[in-house]
N, C-alpha and C. Protein backbone atom coordinates (compact mmCIF):
# COMPACT_ATOMS: atom_id res chain seq x y z
N MET A 1 63.52 117.60 121.27
CA MET A 1 63.82 116.58 120.27
C MET A 1 63.41 117.10 118.90
N ASP A 2 64.24 116.94 117.92
CA ASP A 2 64.00 117.41 116.58
C ASP A 2 63.04 116.47 115.85
N ALA A 3 61.95 117.02 115.34
CA ALA A 3 60.93 116.20 114.68
C ALA A 3 61.46 115.58 113.39
N ALA A 4 62.38 116.25 112.72
CA ALA A 4 62.93 115.71 111.47
C ALA A 4 63.72 114.44 111.69
N LYS A 5 64.39 114.37 112.84
CA LYS A 5 65.20 113.18 113.12
C LYS A 5 64.32 111.98 113.46
N THR A 6 63.19 112.19 114.09
CA THR A 6 62.35 111.07 114.50
C THR A 6 61.50 110.55 113.36
N THR A 7 61.28 111.36 112.32
CA THR A 7 60.44 110.92 111.21
C THR A 7 61.26 110.64 109.95
N GLU A 8 62.53 110.33 110.09
CA GLU A 8 63.36 110.02 108.92
C GLU A 8 62.84 108.79 108.22
N ARG A 9 62.82 108.85 106.91
CA ARG A 9 62.41 107.70 106.13
C ARG A 9 63.57 106.72 106.02
N PRO A 10 63.27 105.42 105.96
CA PRO A 10 64.37 104.47 105.74
C PRO A 10 64.93 104.65 104.34
N LYS A 11 66.18 104.21 104.17
CA LYS A 11 66.82 104.32 102.87
C LYS A 11 66.04 103.50 101.84
N ARG A 12 65.84 104.08 100.67
CA ARG A 12 65.15 103.41 99.59
C ARG A 12 66.13 102.50 98.86
N GLN A 13 65.71 101.29 98.61
CA GLN A 13 66.57 100.34 97.91
C GLN A 13 66.22 100.36 96.43
N ASN A 14 67.23 100.47 95.59
CA ASN A 14 66.96 100.45 94.16
C ASN A 14 66.78 99.01 93.66
N ALA A 15 66.32 98.88 92.44
CA ALA A 15 66.03 97.56 91.88
C ALA A 15 67.28 96.69 91.80
N ALA A 16 68.42 97.30 91.45
CA ALA A 16 69.65 96.51 91.34
C ALA A 16 70.02 95.91 92.70
N PHE A 17 69.85 96.68 93.78
CA PHE A 17 70.15 96.16 95.11
C PHE A 17 69.22 95.01 95.47
N LYS A 18 67.93 95.15 95.13
CA LYS A 18 66.98 94.07 95.41
C LYS A 18 67.34 92.81 94.63
N HIS A 19 67.76 92.97 93.38
CA HIS A 19 68.20 91.82 92.59
C HIS A 19 69.46 91.20 93.19
N LEU A 20 70.35 92.05 93.66
CA LEU A 20 71.59 91.57 94.28
C LEU A 20 71.27 90.74 95.54
N MET A 21 70.32 91.20 96.35
CA MET A 21 69.96 90.46 97.56
C MET A 21 69.26 89.15 97.22
N LEU A 22 68.43 89.17 96.19
CA LEU A 22 67.78 87.93 95.76
C LEU A 22 68.84 86.92 95.31
N LEU A 23 69.78 87.39 94.52
CA LEU A 23 70.86 86.53 94.06
C LEU A 23 71.72 86.05 95.24
N HIS A 24 71.91 86.88 96.23
CA HIS A 24 72.65 86.51 97.45
C HIS A 24 72.02 85.28 98.09
N TRP A 25 70.71 85.29 98.27
CA TRP A 25 70.05 84.18 98.96
C TRP A 25 69.95 82.94 98.08
N ILE A 26 69.79 83.12 96.78
CA ILE A 26 69.80 81.97 95.87
C ILE A 26 71.17 81.30 95.91
N MET A 27 72.22 82.10 95.87
CA MET A 27 73.57 81.54 95.90
C MET A 27 73.89 80.93 97.26
N ALA A 28 73.30 81.45 98.33
CA ALA A 28 73.48 80.84 99.65
C ALA A 28 72.91 79.42 99.66
N ALA A 29 71.75 79.26 99.03
CA ALA A 29 71.16 77.91 98.93
C ALA A 29 72.05 77.00 98.08
N PHE A 30 72.62 77.55 97.01
CA PHE A 30 73.54 76.77 96.17
C PHE A 30 74.74 76.32 97.00
N ILE A 31 75.28 77.23 97.81
CA ILE A 31 76.46 76.90 98.60
C ILE A 31 76.18 75.74 99.55
N LEU A 32 75.04 75.78 100.23
CA LEU A 32 74.67 74.68 101.13
C LEU A 32 74.57 73.37 100.35
N THR A 33 73.95 73.42 99.18
CA THR A 33 73.82 72.21 98.36
C THR A 33 75.18 71.73 97.86
N LEU A 34 76.04 72.67 97.49
CA LEU A 34 77.38 72.29 97.02
C LEU A 34 78.20 71.64 98.13
N TYR A 35 78.10 72.15 99.36
CA TYR A 35 78.82 71.51 100.46
C TYR A 35 78.27 70.12 100.72
N PHE A 36 76.95 69.99 100.70
CA PHE A 36 76.33 68.69 100.94
C PHE A 36 76.74 67.67 99.87
N THR A 37 76.63 68.05 98.60
CA THR A 37 77.00 67.12 97.52
C THR A 37 78.50 66.90 97.48
N GLY A 38 79.29 67.90 97.85
CA GLY A 38 80.74 67.77 97.86
C GLY A 38 81.23 66.72 98.84
N VAL A 39 80.56 66.60 99.97
CA VAL A 39 80.92 65.57 100.95
C VAL A 39 80.75 64.19 100.34
N PHE A 40 79.66 63.99 99.58
CA PHE A 40 79.42 62.69 98.97
C PHE A 40 80.33 62.43 97.78
N VAL A 41 80.73 63.49 97.07
CA VAL A 41 81.68 63.31 95.97
C VAL A 41 83.04 62.90 96.52
N ALA A 42 83.42 63.47 97.66
CA ALA A 42 84.71 63.13 98.28
C ALA A 42 84.71 61.73 98.87
N ARG A 43 83.55 61.22 99.29
CA ARG A 43 83.42 59.88 99.85
C ARG A 43 82.39 59.10 99.03
N PRO A 44 82.82 58.58 97.88
CA PRO A 44 81.87 58.00 96.91
C PRO A 44 81.16 56.73 97.37
N LEU A 45 81.63 56.06 98.40
CA LEU A 45 80.98 54.82 98.82
C LEU A 45 79.66 55.08 99.55
N GLN A 46 79.41 56.30 99.97
CA GLN A 46 78.22 56.60 100.74
C GLN A 46 77.01 56.95 99.88
N ALA A 47 77.18 57.22 98.62
CA ALA A 47 76.07 57.59 97.74
C ALA A 47 76.46 57.27 96.30
N PRO A 48 75.46 57.21 95.43
CA PRO A 48 75.80 56.99 94.01
C PRO A 48 76.67 58.14 93.50
N LEU A 49 77.90 57.83 93.16
CA LEU A 49 78.87 58.86 92.77
C LEU A 49 78.42 59.64 91.54
N TRP A 50 77.89 58.99 90.55
CA TRP A 50 77.53 59.68 89.31
C TRP A 50 76.49 60.75 89.56
N LEU A 51 75.51 60.47 90.45
CA LEU A 51 74.45 61.44 90.72
C LEU A 51 74.99 62.64 91.49
N MET A 52 75.76 62.36 92.54
CA MET A 52 76.30 63.46 93.34
C MET A 52 77.32 64.27 92.54
N SER A 53 78.15 63.59 91.78
CA SER A 53 79.15 64.28 90.97
C SER A 53 78.47 65.14 89.91
N PHE A 54 77.43 64.59 89.26
CA PHE A 54 76.68 65.34 88.26
C PHE A 54 76.06 66.60 88.88
N CYS A 55 75.40 66.44 90.02
CA CYS A 55 74.78 67.59 90.69
C CYS A 55 75.84 68.59 91.15
N HIS A 56 76.90 68.10 91.74
CA HIS A 56 77.93 68.97 92.29
C HIS A 56 78.60 69.80 91.19
N GLN A 57 79.00 69.16 90.10
CA GLN A 57 79.68 69.91 89.05
C GLN A 57 78.72 70.84 88.32
N SER A 58 77.49 70.42 88.11
CA SER A 58 76.52 71.27 87.42
C SER A 58 76.17 72.49 88.26
N LEU A 59 75.92 72.26 89.54
CA LEU A 59 75.62 73.40 90.43
C LEU A 59 76.83 74.30 90.59
N GLY A 60 78.02 73.72 90.60
CA GLY A 60 79.23 74.53 90.70
C GLY A 60 79.42 75.42 89.49
N MET A 61 79.15 74.89 88.30
CA MET A 61 79.26 75.71 87.09
C MET A 61 78.17 76.77 87.04
N LEU A 62 76.95 76.41 87.45
CA LEU A 62 75.87 77.40 87.49
C LEU A 62 76.17 78.47 88.53
N PHE A 63 76.76 78.06 89.66
CA PHE A 63 77.16 79.01 90.70
C PHE A 63 78.18 80.01 90.13
N LEU A 64 79.12 79.52 89.36
CA LEU A 64 80.13 80.39 88.75
C LEU A 64 79.48 81.39 87.78
N LEU A 65 78.51 80.93 87.00
CA LEU A 65 77.80 81.84 86.09
C LEU A 65 76.99 82.88 86.88
N LEU A 66 76.33 82.44 87.94
CA LEU A 66 75.59 83.38 88.78
C LEU A 66 76.52 84.38 89.46
N LEU A 67 77.72 83.93 89.80
CA LEU A 67 78.70 84.81 90.42
C LEU A 67 79.09 85.94 89.47
N ILE A 68 79.23 85.62 88.21
CA ILE A 68 79.57 86.65 87.22
C ILE A 68 78.44 87.68 87.15
N VAL A 69 77.19 87.22 87.12
CA VAL A 69 76.05 88.13 87.12
C VAL A 69 76.05 88.96 88.41
N ARG A 70 76.34 88.29 89.52
CA ARG A 70 76.35 88.98 90.82
C ARG A 70 77.42 90.07 90.88
N ILE A 71 78.57 89.80 90.32
CA ILE A 71 79.64 90.80 90.33
C ILE A 71 79.23 92.02 89.52
N PHE A 72 78.59 91.79 88.36
CA PHE A 72 78.12 92.93 87.57
C PHE A 72 77.05 93.72 88.32
N LEU A 73 76.13 93.02 88.99
CA LEU A 73 75.12 93.72 89.79
C LEU A 73 75.76 94.50 90.92
N LEU A 74 76.74 93.89 91.57
CA LEU A 74 77.44 94.56 92.66
C LEU A 74 78.13 95.83 92.17
N LEU A 75 78.80 95.73 91.04
CA LEU A 75 79.46 96.92 90.48
C LEU A 75 78.44 98.01 90.15
N ARG A 76 77.28 97.61 89.69
CA ARG A 76 76.22 98.58 89.40
C ARG A 76 75.73 99.26 90.68
N VAL A 77 75.51 98.46 91.73
CA VAL A 77 75.03 99.01 93.01
C VAL A 77 76.09 99.94 93.61
N VAL A 78 77.33 99.48 93.64
CA VAL A 78 78.41 100.29 94.22
C VAL A 78 78.63 101.56 93.39
N GLY A 79 78.59 101.41 92.08
CA GLY A 79 78.73 102.59 91.22
C GLY A 79 77.63 103.59 91.45
N HIS A 80 76.40 103.11 91.61
CA HIS A 80 75.27 103.99 91.87
C HIS A 80 75.41 104.69 93.22
N LYS A 81 75.88 103.94 94.19
CA LYS A 81 76.00 104.49 95.55
C LYS A 81 77.11 105.53 95.65
N TYR A 82 78.26 105.23 95.05
CA TYR A 82 79.42 106.10 95.25
C TYR A 82 79.64 107.13 94.15
N THR A 83 78.73 107.21 93.18
CA THR A 83 78.84 108.32 92.22
C THR A 83 78.33 109.61 92.84
N ARG A 84 77.41 109.47 93.79
CA ARG A 84 76.85 110.65 94.44
C ARG A 84 77.70 111.14 95.60
N ARG A 85 78.37 110.23 96.25
CA ARG A 85 79.20 110.62 97.39
C ARG A 85 80.34 109.61 97.55
N SER A 86 81.42 110.08 98.14
CA SER A 86 82.55 109.20 98.42
C SER A 86 82.26 108.38 99.67
N PRO A 87 82.85 107.20 99.77
CA PRO A 87 82.61 106.39 100.97
C PRO A 87 83.22 107.05 102.21
N ASN A 88 82.56 106.84 103.33
CA ASN A 88 83.07 107.30 104.62
C ASN A 88 84.03 106.22 105.12
N VAL A 89 85.31 106.40 104.88
CA VAL A 89 86.30 105.37 105.18
C VAL A 89 86.58 105.37 106.68
N THR A 90 86.08 104.32 107.32
CA THR A 90 86.31 104.10 108.75
C THR A 90 86.88 102.69 108.91
N SER A 91 87.27 102.36 110.11
CA SER A 91 87.79 101.00 110.33
C SER A 91 86.69 99.97 110.09
N ASN A 92 85.45 100.28 110.45
CA ASN A 92 84.34 99.37 110.22
C ASN A 92 84.10 99.17 108.72
N TRP A 93 84.18 100.24 107.95
CA TRP A 93 84.01 100.17 106.50
C TRP A 93 85.12 99.31 105.89
N LEU A 94 86.35 99.51 106.35
CA LEU A 94 87.48 98.73 105.84
C LEU A 94 87.34 97.25 106.18
N GLN A 95 86.87 96.95 107.41
CA GLN A 95 86.65 95.55 107.79
C GLN A 95 85.59 94.91 106.90
N THR A 96 84.53 95.65 106.64
CA THR A 96 83.46 95.15 105.78
C THR A 96 83.98 94.88 104.37
N ILE A 97 84.75 95.81 103.84
CA ILE A 97 85.32 95.65 102.50
C ILE A 97 86.24 94.43 102.46
N MET A 98 87.08 94.26 103.49
CA MET A 98 88.00 93.11 103.52
C MET A 98 87.24 91.79 103.61
N LEU A 99 86.21 91.74 104.46
CA LEU A 99 85.42 90.52 104.61
C LEU A 99 84.73 90.16 103.30
N HIS A 100 84.08 91.14 102.68
CA HIS A 100 83.36 90.85 101.44
C HIS A 100 84.30 90.56 100.28
N SER A 101 85.45 91.21 100.26
CA SER A 101 86.44 90.90 99.22
C SER A 101 86.93 89.46 99.38
N SER A 102 87.16 89.04 100.61
CA SER A 102 87.58 87.66 100.87
C SER A 102 86.48 86.68 100.44
N LEU A 103 85.23 87.00 100.75
CA LEU A 103 84.12 86.13 100.34
C LEU A 103 84.07 85.99 98.83
N TYR A 104 84.18 87.11 98.12
CA TYR A 104 84.14 87.04 96.66
C TYR A 104 85.36 86.30 96.11
N PHE A 105 86.51 86.48 96.73
CA PHE A 105 87.71 85.76 96.30
C PHE A 105 87.48 84.25 96.39
N PHE A 106 87.00 83.79 97.54
CA PHE A 106 86.79 82.34 97.71
C PHE A 106 85.60 81.85 96.90
N MET A 107 84.60 82.71 96.66
CA MET A 107 83.49 82.33 95.79
C MET A 107 83.98 82.05 94.38
N LEU A 108 85.03 82.73 93.99
CA LEU A 108 85.60 82.55 92.66
C LEU A 108 86.60 81.39 92.63
N VAL A 109 87.46 81.31 93.63
CA VAL A 109 88.53 80.30 93.64
C VAL A 109 87.99 78.88 93.83
N ALA A 110 87.00 78.69 94.69
CA ALA A 110 86.49 77.34 94.96
C ALA A 110 85.94 76.66 93.71
N PRO A 111 85.02 77.28 92.96
CA PRO A 111 84.53 76.57 91.77
C PRO A 111 85.57 76.46 90.65
N ILE A 112 86.42 77.45 90.50
CA ILE A 112 87.44 77.37 89.45
C ILE A 112 88.44 76.25 89.76
N SER A 113 88.82 76.12 91.04
CA SER A 113 89.74 75.04 91.40
C SER A 113 89.08 73.67 91.21
N GLY A 114 87.77 73.58 91.44
CA GLY A 114 87.05 72.33 91.17
C GLY A 114 87.03 72.00 89.69
N PHE A 115 86.83 73.02 88.86
CA PHE A 115 86.86 72.83 87.41
C PHE A 115 88.25 72.38 86.96
N PHE A 116 89.29 73.04 87.49
CA PHE A 116 90.66 72.63 87.18
C PHE A 116 90.93 71.20 87.62
N LEU A 117 90.43 70.83 88.79
CA LEU A 117 90.62 69.48 89.30
C LEU A 117 90.04 68.45 88.32
N ARG A 118 88.84 68.68 87.85
CA ARG A 118 88.23 67.76 86.88
C ARG A 118 89.04 67.73 85.59
N ASN A 119 89.55 68.88 85.16
CA ASN A 119 90.39 68.93 83.95
C ASN A 119 91.64 68.09 84.14
N PHE A 120 92.34 68.26 85.25
CA PHE A 120 93.60 67.56 85.49
C PHE A 120 93.40 66.07 85.70
N ILE A 121 92.26 65.67 86.25
CA ILE A 121 91.97 64.25 86.41
C ILE A 121 91.67 63.62 85.05
N GLY A 122 91.17 64.45 84.13
CA GLY A 122 90.83 63.96 82.80
C GLY A 122 89.34 63.72 82.63
N LEU A 123 88.56 64.24 83.55
CA LEU A 123 87.11 64.09 83.47
C LEU A 123 86.50 65.34 82.83
N GLY A 124 85.47 65.15 82.06
CA GLY A 124 84.77 66.28 81.48
C GLY A 124 83.85 66.91 82.50
N THR A 125 83.56 68.17 82.31
CA THR A 125 82.64 68.89 83.18
C THR A 125 81.39 69.20 82.38
N THR A 126 80.24 69.06 83.03
CA THR A 126 78.98 69.36 82.35
C THR A 126 78.17 70.36 83.17
N LEU A 127 77.31 71.05 82.46
CA LEU A 127 76.34 71.95 83.09
C LEU A 127 74.98 71.35 82.78
N PHE A 128 74.52 70.49 83.67
CA PHE A 128 73.26 69.76 83.51
C PHE A 128 73.19 69.06 82.15
N GLY A 129 74.27 68.35 81.82
CA GLY A 129 74.33 67.56 80.60
C GLY A 129 75.01 68.24 79.43
N LEU A 130 75.13 69.56 79.47
CA LEU A 130 75.83 70.27 78.40
C LEU A 130 77.33 70.27 78.69
N PRO A 131 78.13 69.77 77.77
CA PRO A 131 79.57 69.71 78.04
C PRO A 131 80.21 71.10 78.11
N VAL A 132 81.07 71.26 79.09
CA VAL A 132 81.86 72.49 79.24
C VAL A 132 83.26 72.16 78.74
N PRO A 133 83.79 72.94 77.79
CA PRO A 133 85.11 72.61 77.24
C PRO A 133 86.21 72.64 78.31
N SER A 134 87.08 71.66 78.26
CA SER A 134 88.21 71.62 79.18
C SER A 134 89.25 72.64 78.75
N LEU A 135 89.91 73.23 79.73
CA LEU A 135 90.98 74.18 79.43
C LEU A 135 92.34 73.52 79.45
N PHE A 136 92.45 72.39 80.18
CA PHE A 136 93.73 71.71 80.34
C PHE A 136 93.56 70.24 80.03
N ALA A 137 94.64 69.63 79.59
CA ALA A 137 94.65 68.19 79.38
C ALA A 137 94.89 67.50 80.72
N ALA A 138 94.56 66.22 80.76
CA ALA A 138 94.81 65.45 81.97
C ALA A 138 96.29 65.53 82.33
N ASN A 139 96.56 65.73 83.63
CA ASN A 139 97.93 65.90 84.07
C ASN A 139 98.00 65.46 85.54
N ASN A 140 98.57 64.28 85.76
CA ASN A 140 98.62 63.72 87.12
C ASN A 140 99.46 64.54 88.09
N THR A 141 100.41 65.30 87.59
CA THR A 141 101.27 66.07 88.50
C THR A 141 100.51 67.25 89.13
N TRP A 142 99.44 67.71 88.48
CA TRP A 142 98.69 68.85 89.01
C TRP A 142 97.44 68.44 89.80
N VAL A 143 97.09 67.16 89.78
CA VAL A 143 95.87 66.70 90.45
C VAL A 143 95.91 66.98 91.95
N ALA A 144 97.01 66.66 92.60
CA ALA A 144 97.11 66.85 94.06
C ALA A 144 96.98 68.32 94.44
N LEU A 145 97.62 69.20 93.67
CA LEU A 145 97.52 70.63 93.96
C LEU A 145 96.10 71.13 93.73
N ALA A 146 95.46 70.71 92.65
CA ALA A 146 94.08 71.14 92.36
C ALA A 146 93.12 70.61 93.42
N ARG A 147 93.30 69.35 93.83
CA ARG A 147 92.42 68.77 94.86
C ARG A 147 92.59 69.52 96.19
N SER A 148 93.82 69.79 96.55
CA SER A 148 94.10 70.52 97.79
C SER A 148 93.54 71.95 97.71
N SER A 149 93.73 72.60 96.57
CA SER A 149 93.21 73.95 96.40
C SER A 149 91.69 73.99 96.50
N HIS A 150 91.03 73.02 95.89
CA HIS A 150 89.57 72.98 95.94
C HIS A 150 89.09 72.73 97.37
N PHE A 151 89.73 71.79 98.04
CA PHE A 151 89.34 71.47 99.41
C PHE A 151 89.54 72.67 100.33
N TRP A 152 90.75 73.24 100.35
CA TRP A 152 91.04 74.32 101.28
C TRP A 152 90.32 75.61 100.95
N SER A 153 90.19 75.93 99.67
CA SER A 153 89.45 77.15 99.33
C SER A 153 87.98 77.01 99.72
N SER A 154 87.42 75.82 99.60
CA SER A 154 86.03 75.60 99.98
C SER A 154 85.84 75.77 101.49
N TYR A 155 86.75 75.21 102.28
CA TYR A 155 86.58 75.30 103.72
C TYR A 155 86.99 76.67 104.27
N LEU A 156 87.93 77.35 103.63
CA LEU A 156 88.21 78.73 104.02
C LEU A 156 87.02 79.62 103.66
N PHE A 157 86.38 79.35 102.54
CA PHE A 157 85.17 80.05 102.16
C PHE A 157 84.09 79.85 103.22
N LEU A 158 83.95 78.62 103.69
CA LEU A 158 82.98 78.33 104.75
C LEU A 158 83.29 79.12 106.01
N ALA A 159 84.56 79.23 106.37
CA ALA A 159 84.95 80.01 107.55
C ALA A 159 84.58 81.48 107.37
N PHE A 160 84.79 82.02 106.18
CA PHE A 160 84.42 83.41 105.94
C PHE A 160 82.91 83.59 105.90
N ILE A 161 82.17 82.57 105.49
CA ILE A 161 80.71 82.63 105.54
C ILE A 161 80.25 82.73 106.99
N VAL A 162 80.88 81.97 107.87
CA VAL A 162 80.54 82.05 109.30
C VAL A 162 80.85 83.45 109.84
N LEU A 163 82.01 84.00 109.47
CA LEU A 163 82.33 85.38 109.88
C LEU A 163 81.31 86.37 109.34
N HIS A 164 80.89 86.18 108.12
CA HIS A 164 79.89 87.05 107.49
C HIS A 164 78.57 86.97 108.26
N ALA A 165 78.15 85.76 108.60
CA ALA A 165 76.90 85.59 109.36
C ALA A 165 77.00 86.23 110.73
N LEU A 166 78.14 86.08 111.38
CA LEU A 166 78.32 86.71 112.70
C LEU A 166 78.33 88.23 112.61
N ALA A 167 78.94 88.76 111.55
CA ALA A 167 79.00 90.21 111.37
C ALA A 167 77.61 90.79 111.10
N HIS A 168 76.74 90.00 110.48
CA HIS A 168 75.40 90.47 110.14
C HIS A 168 74.33 89.80 110.99
N TRP A 169 74.69 89.35 112.18
CA TRP A 169 73.77 88.60 113.01
C TRP A 169 72.50 89.38 113.34
N LYS A 170 72.63 90.68 113.62
CA LYS A 170 71.45 91.49 113.94
C LYS A 170 70.48 91.53 112.77
N VAL A 171 71.01 91.68 111.57
CA VAL A 171 70.17 91.72 110.37
C VAL A 171 69.50 90.37 110.15
N ILE A 172 70.25 89.30 110.33
CA ILE A 172 69.69 87.96 110.16
C ILE A 172 68.58 87.71 111.16
N ARG A 173 68.82 88.04 112.41
CA ARG A 173 67.83 87.83 113.46
C ARG A 173 66.57 88.65 113.19
N MET A 174 66.74 89.91 112.79
CA MET A 174 65.60 90.77 112.50
C MET A 174 64.80 90.24 111.31
N THR A 175 65.49 89.76 110.28
CA THR A 175 64.82 89.22 109.09
C THR A 175 64.03 87.97 109.44
N VAL A 176 64.62 87.09 110.24
CA VAL A 176 63.94 85.86 110.63
C VAL A 176 62.70 86.19 111.45
N ARG A 177 62.82 87.11 112.38
CA ARG A 177 61.66 87.51 113.19
C ARG A 177 60.57 88.11 112.33
N LYS A 178 60.95 88.99 111.42
CA LYS A 178 59.98 89.68 110.59
C LYS A 178 59.26 88.69 109.66
N ARG A 179 59.98 87.73 109.13
CA ARG A 179 59.38 86.82 108.15
C ARG A 179 58.65 85.64 108.77
N PHE A 180 59.16 85.13 109.90
CA PHE A 180 58.62 83.87 110.39
C PHE A 180 57.91 83.96 111.75
N VAL A 181 58.35 84.85 112.60
CA VAL A 181 57.83 84.88 113.97
C VAL A 181 56.58 85.75 114.08
N THR A 182 56.55 86.90 113.44
CA THR A 182 55.44 87.83 113.64
C THR A 182 54.23 87.55 112.77
N ARG A 183 54.24 86.49 112.00
CA ARG A 183 53.09 86.19 111.13
C ARG A 183 52.00 85.48 111.85
């Protein structure tokens, strides 16, 4: 047995990757909160609509801002990784790229469609009380499309989140054991 292979050091993570992972988990918490508040916004008789709507739209706008930061961090991490070497293109690598591209697509489409929905209904959007300028005037003909787009993009995003969790189940299980079980 080769001694060099048994004593290999684990890959060192750079600061940008650590920031990206921190942002990943913060945004995961946002997503859970957005789904929870979204259910109450869709069924206003079950909770005070103004509170849930305020939280949902504010968190959605903050999520969109964090997504922009996350994309820049991701580009930095990927640029750092692939400037030294080209990716090893395998079917597993392609599946990973497709899954993560789909996740980022729905991460972008869901909040933007929600913003458009509020614009088309004629409601203003706020970020914790700060008004966000509307891009479109109220337009009843686009409300149904925007509502449908927001609903379906959100639930397709949820389906891809489940696929993401299943694809990374070993990592999730190891992290949970390391953080909570062995203490």
